[in-house]
């Protein structure tokens, strides 16, 4: 089962500014969400509509995403330094 992955513009802008090694590690994980959209993060948060947001810690960054299984899409909504 392959899902489509969408990145928020802010996530793309943050990725572009990162050193190559960090960018590669994060990109590899983001691409893996296509084939494994049920991946659980290291922890979760709830957004303003009470949606469960998975948060994975990678390369000192927190990558925030949620899967919309009804339309087979994963939305990557935030990328921030871990601990923020």
C-alpha atoms as a PDB file:
ATOM      1  CA  UNK A   1       0.000   0.000   0.000  1.00  0.00           C
ATOM      2  CA  UNK A   2       1.604   3.243  -1.131  1.00  0.00           C
ATOM      3  CA  UNK A   3       0.516   6.611   0.211  1.00  0.00           C
ATOM      4  CA  UNK A   4       1.284  10.075  -1.115  1.00  0.00           C
ATOM      5  CA  UNK A   5       3.372  12.275   1.176  1.00  0.00           C
ATOM      6  CA  UNK A   6       2.833  16.017   1.415  1.00  0.00           C
ATOM      7  CA  UNK A   7       5.184  18.469   3.117  1.00  0.00           C
ATOM      8  CA  UNK A   8       4.190  21.846   4.490  1.00  0.00           C
ATOM      9  CA  UNK A   9       6.076  24.706   2.830  1.00  0.00           C
ATOM     10  CA  UNK A  10       7.803  25.535   6.125  1.00  0.00           C
ATOM     11  CA  UNK A  11       9.129  21.971   6.323  1.00  0.00           C
ATOM     12  CA  UNK A  12      10.604  22.239   2.813  1.00  0.00           C
ATOM     13  CA  UNK A  13      12.234  25.576   3.680  1.00  0.00           C
ATOM     14  CA  UNK A  14      13.757  24.152   6.862  1.00  0.00           C
ATOM     15  CA  UNK A  15      15.046  21.056   5.025  1.00  0.00           C
ATOM     16  CA  UNK A  16      16.765  23.230   2.407  1.00  0.00           C
ATOM     17  CA  UNK A  17      18.746  25.035   5.116  1.00  0.00           C
ATOM     18  CA  UNK A  18      20.077  21.883   6.788  1.00  0.00           C
ATOM     19  CA  UNK A  19      23.485  20.341   6.190  1.00  0.00           C
ATOM     20  CA  UNK A  20      23.483  17.551   3.607  1.00  0.00           C
ATOM     21  CA  UNK A  21      23.808  14.652   6.072  1.00  0.00           C
ATOM     22  CA  UNK A  22      20.855  15.811   8.195  1.00  0.00           C
ATOM     23  CA  UNK A  23      18.780  16.556   5.105  1.00  0.00           C
ATOM     24  CA  UNK A  24      19.478  13.059   3.729  1.00  0.00           C
ATOM     25  CA  UNK A  25      18.499  11.332   6.979  1.00  0.00           C
ATOM     26  CA  UNK A  26      15.260  13.284   7.255  1.00  0.00           C
ATOM     27  CA  UNK A  27      14.418  12.827   3.583  1.00  0.00           C
ATOM     28  CA  UNK A  28      14.990   9.073   3.826  1.00  0.00           C
ATOM     29  CA  UNK A  29      12.498   8.862   6.684  1.00  0.00           C
ATOM     30  CA  UNK A  30       9.956  11.064   4.889  1.00  0.00           C
ATOM     31  CA  UNK A  31      10.159   8.848   1.796  1.00  0.00           C
ATOM     32  CA  UNK A  32       9.670   5.749   4.000  1.00  0.00           C
ATOM     33  CA  UNK A  33       6.270   7.099   5.044  1.00  0.00           C
ATOM     34  CA  UNK A  34       4.978   6.334   1.539  1.00  0.00           C
ATOM     35  CA  UNK A  35       5.219   2.596   2.097  1.00  0.00           C
ATOM     36  CA  UNK A  36       4.854   2.582   5.882  1.00  0.00           C
ATOM     37  CA  UNK A  37       2.237   5.215   6.750  1.00  0.00           C
ATOM     38  CA  UNK A  38       1.363   3.479  10.020  1.00  0.00           C
ATOM     39  CA  UNK A  39       4.796   4.228  11.526  1.00  0.00           C
ATOM     40  CA  UNK A  40       4.492   5.482  15.055  1.00  0.00           C
ATOM     41  CA  UNK A  41       6.629   8.350  16.227  1.00  0.00           C
ATOM     42  CA  UNK A  42       8.733   8.547  19.349  1.00  0.00           C
ATOM     43  CA  UNK A  43       5.851  10.401  20.948  1.00  0.00           C
ATOM     44  CA  UNK A  44       2.609  12.127  19.969  1.00  0.00           C
ATOM     45  CA  UNK A  45       0.834  15.453  20.355  1.00  0.00           C
ATOM     46  CA  UNK A  46      -2.721  16.561  19.630  1.00  0.00           C
ATOM     47  CA  UNK A  47      -3.319  19.454  17.253  1.00  0.00           C
ATOM     48  CA  UNK A  48      -6.032  22.102  17.521  1.00  0.00           C
ATOM     49  CA  UNK A  49      -8.672  19.745  16.083  1.00  0.00           C
ATOM     50  CA  UNK A  50      -7.578  16.918  18.414  1.00  0.00           C
ATOM     51  CA  UNK A  51      -5.827  15.012  15.603  1.00  0.00           C
ATOM     52  CA  UNK A  52      -3.011  12.700  16.699  1.00  0.00           C
ATOM     53  CA  UNK A  53       0.322  13.997  15.393  1.00  0.00           C
ATOM     54  CA  UNK A  54       3.225  11.540  15.352  1.00  0.00           C
ATOM     55  CA  UNK A  55       6.609  13.010  16.245  1.00  0.00           C
ATOM     56  CA  UNK A  56       9.802  11.225  15.262  1.00  0.00           C
ATOM     57  CA  UNK A  57      13.192  12.413  16.476  1.00  0.00           C
ATOM     58  CA  UNK A  58      15.759  12.259  13.680  1.00  0.00           C
ATOM     59  CA  UNK A  59      19.123  13.954  13.419  1.00  0.00           C
ATOM     60  CA  UNK A  60      18.311  16.236  16.388  1.00  0.00           C
ATOM     61  CA  UNK A  61      15.061  17.344  14.752  1.00  0.00           C
ATOM     62  CA  UNK A  62      11.434  16.603  15.542  1.00  0.00           C
ATOM     63  CA  UNK A  63       9.508  15.641  12.420  1.00  0.00           C
ATOM     64  CA  UNK A  64       5.745  15.954  12.901  1.00  0.00           C
ATOM     65  CA  UNK A  65       3.296  14.110  10.669  1.00  0.00           C
ATOM     66  CA  UNK A  66      -0.093  12.455  10.518  1.00  0.00           C
ATOM     67  CA  UNK A  67      -1.628   9.903   8.188  1.00  0.00           C
ATOM     68  CA  UNK A  68      -4.951  10.532   6.509  1.00  0.00           C
ATOM     69  CA  UNK A  69      -5.865   6.933   5.818  1.00  0.00           C
ATOM     70  CA  UNK A  70      -9.178   7.814   4.171  1.00  0.00           C
ATOM     71  CA  UNK A  71      -7.318   9.370   1.212  1.00  0.00           C
ATOM     72  CA  UNK A  72      -4.028   7.450   1.593  1.00  0.00           C
ATOM     73  CA  UNK A  73      -1.881  10.498   2.334  1.00  0.00           C
ATOM     74  CA  UNK A  74       0.693  11.406   4.968  1.00  0.00           C
ATOM     75  CA  UNK A  75       0.982  15.079   5.895  1.00  0.00           C
ATOM     76  CA  UNK A  76       4.337  16.281   7.227  1.00  0.00           C
ATOM     77  CA  UNK A  77       3.316  19.397   9.116  1.00  0.00           C
ATOM     78  CA  UNK A  78       6.370  20.540  11.075  1.00  0.00           C
ATOM     79  CA  UNK A  79      10.114  20.159  11.374  1.00  0.00           C
ATOM     80  CA  UNK A  80      11.772  21.759  14.359  1.00  0.00           C
ATOM     81  CA  UNK A  81      14.791  21.291  16.571  1.00  0.00           C
ATOM     82  CA  UNK A  82      14.118  18.463  19.040  1.00  0.00           C
ATOM     83  CA  UNK A  83      13.244  19.747  22.467  1.00  0.00           C
ATOM     84  CA  UNK A  84      11.393  22.809  21.141  1.00  0.00           C
END
